[in-house]
N, C-alpha and C. Protein backbone atom coordinates (compact mmCIF):
# COMPACT_ATOMS: atom_id res chain seq x y z
N MET A 1 0.72 -0.95 -0.09
CA MET A 1 0.12 -0.16 -0.10
C MET A 1 1.45 1.08 -0.30
N ALA A 2 2.17 0.83 0.41
CA ALA A 2 3.06 2.65 1.08
C ALA A 2 3.37 2.55 -1.15
N ASP A 3 3.21 1.91 -1.62
CA ASP A 3 3.76 1.72 -2.91
C ASP A 3 2.92 2.81 -3.80
N PHE A 4 1.38 2.42 -3.70
CA PHE A 4 0.24 3.15 -3.86
C PHE A 4 0.39 4.07 -3.60
N ASP A 5 0.89 5.11 -2.56
CA ASP A 5 0.49 6.22 -1.84
C ASP A 5 1.52 6.90 -1.99
N ALA A 6 2.40 6.44 -2.04
CA ALA A 6 3.66 7.53 -2.75
C ALA A 6 3.36 7.76 -3.96
N LEU A 7 2.57 6.73 -5.46
CA LEU A 7 2.50 7.00 -6.62
C LEU A 7 1.30 7.43 -6.64
N THR A 8 0.33 7.69 -5.92
CA THR A 8 -0.80 8.50 -5.65
C THR A 8 -0.39 10.09 -4.92
N MET A 9 0.18 10.16 -4.61
CA MET A 9 1.70 11.43 -3.46
C MET A 9 2.56 12.64 -5.39
N GLU A 10 2.62 11.16 -6.20
CA GLU A 10 3.67 11.80 -6.94
C GLU A 10 2.78 12.23 -7.89
N LEU A 11 1.43 11.25 -7.94
CA LEU A 11 0.84 12.12 -9.24
C LEU A 11 -0.09 13.32 -8.98
N GLU A 12 0.08 13.78 -7.19
CA GLU A 12 -1.00 14.23 -7.45
C GLU A 12 0.31 15.99 -7.24
N GLU A 13 1.06 16.11 -6.95
CA GLU A 13 1.73 16.80 -7.40
C GLU A 13 2.44 17.05 -8.83
N LYS A 14 3.15 16.25 -9.64
CA LYS A 14 2.30 16.89 -11.11
C LYS A 14 1.28 16.96 -11.65
N ILE A 15 0.30 17.58 -10.79
CA ILE A 15 -0.87 17.88 -11.37
C ILE A 15 -1.00 19.21 -11.38
N ARG A 16 -0.52 19.56 -9.66
CA ARG A 16 -0.54 20.90 -9.67
C ARG A 16 0.48 21.35 -10.41
N ARG A 17 2.28 21.05 -10.76
CA ARG A 17 2.75 21.49 -10.58
C ARG A 17 2.23 22.30 -12.13
N GLU A 18 1.71 21.39 -13.28
CA GLU A 18 1.01 21.36 -14.36
C GLU A 18 0.23 22.84 -14.63
N GLU A 19 -0.81 22.17 -13.49
CA GLU A 19 -2.13 23.53 -12.96
C GLU A 19 -1.35 24.80 -12.81
N TRP A 20 -0.16 24.67 -12.01
CA TRP A 20 0.51 26.18 -12.05
C TRP A 20 0.12 27.12 -12.72
N ARG A 21 1.42 25.95 -13.81
CA ARG A 21 2.32 25.86 -15.50
C ARG A 21 1.03 26.50 -16.65
N ILE A 22 -0.51 26.24 -16.42
CA ILE A 22 -1.18 26.58 -17.47
C ILE A 22 -1.73 27.79 -16.49
N TYR A 23 -2.50 28.03 -15.61
CA TYR A 23 -2.82 28.99 -15.38
C TYR A 23 -2.04 30.19 -14.33
N SER A 24 -3.06 31.21 -13.62
CA SER A 24 -2.96 32.03 -13.38
C SER A 24 -2.55 30.95 -11.80
N ARG A 25 -1.38 32.48 -11.07
CA ARG A 25 -1.20 32.19 -9.76
C ARG A 25 -2.59 32.69 -9.54
N ARG A 26 -3.66 33.55 -9.62
CA ARG A 26 -5.06 33.98 -9.11
C ARG A 26 -5.64 32.52 -8.78
N VAL A 27 -6.35 32.67 -9.64
CA VAL A 27 -7.08 31.09 -10.60
C VAL A 27 -7.04 29.94 -9.72
N CYS A 28 -4.99 29.94 -9.93
CA CYS A 28 -5.10 27.97 -8.99
C CYS A 28 -5.36 28.49 -7.07
N GLU A 29 -4.89 30.01 -6.62
CA GLU A 29 -4.98 30.41 -5.46
C GLU A 29 -6.78 29.71 -4.42
N GLY A 30 -7.30 30.49 -5.97
CA GLY A 30 -8.73 30.27 -5.91
C GLY A 30 -9.42 28.75 -6.30
N ALA A 31 -8.62 28.70 -6.73
CA ALA A 31 -9.58 26.48 -6.96
C ALA A 31 -8.44 26.31 -5.12
N TYR A 32 -7.68 26.44 -4.86
CA TYR A 32 -7.06 25.41 -3.55
C TYR A 32 -7.98 26.26 -2.62
N ASN A 33 -8.20 27.82 -2.10
CA ASN A 33 -8.52 28.31 -1.37
C ASN A 33 -9.65 28.85 -1.69
N PRO A 34 -11.06 28.47 -1.97
CA PRO A 34 -12.18 29.08 -2.25
C PRO A 34 -12.67 30.01 -0.67
N LYS A 35 -13.13 31.02 -1.41
CA LYS A 35 -13.51 31.93 -0.27
C LYS A 35 -14.84 31.51 0.13
N ASN A 36 -16.16 32.06 -0.77
CA ASN A 36 -17.45 31.39 -1.17
C ASN A 36 -18.13 30.16 -1.09
N ALA A 37 -17.06 29.21 -0.54
CA ALA A 37 -18.21 27.54 -0.46
C ALA A 37 -19.01 27.11 1.07
N GLY A 38 -19.30 26.81 1.00
CA GLY A 38 -19.95 26.00 1.91
C GLY A 38 -20.84 25.82 2.70
N GLU A 39 -22.38 26.08 3.31
CA GLU A 39 -24.42 26.28 3.15
C GLU A 39 -24.16 27.89 3.34
N LEU A 40 -25.28 27.33 2.84
CA LEU A 40 -26.20 28.41 3.64
C LEU A 40 -26.82 28.58 5.10
N ASP A 41 -26.97 29.53 6.45
CA ASP A 41 -27.94 29.51 6.90
C ASP A 41 -29.41 29.01 6.98
N ASN A 42 -30.10 30.54 6.09
CA ASN A 42 -31.14 29.89 5.80
C ASN A 42 -31.46 30.15 4.39
N PRO A 43 -31.46 29.40 3.58
CA PRO A 43 -31.56 29.37 2.09
C PRO A 43 -32.90 29.13 1.59
N ASP A 44 -33.52 30.42 0.94
CA ASP A 44 -34.92 30.35 0.53
C ASP A 44 -35.56 30.00 -1.02
N GLY A 45 -34.23 29.90 -1.92
CA GLY A 45 -34.36 29.44 -3.36
C GLY A 45 -34.89 30.55 -4.33
N LYS A 46 -34.83 32.12 -3.14
CA LYS A 46 -34.70 33.16 -4.25
C LYS A 46 -34.02 32.84 -5.51
């Protein structure tokens, strides 16, 4: 299982580096640290 975990971490790092190469810093930071995520206290559907 350790080999699988290492492979997963390596792939995630490669993907993240590729994202930072393609997209702007602002886009990547917004994707990994969203400011408007979560639930509304009393959603009314309007």
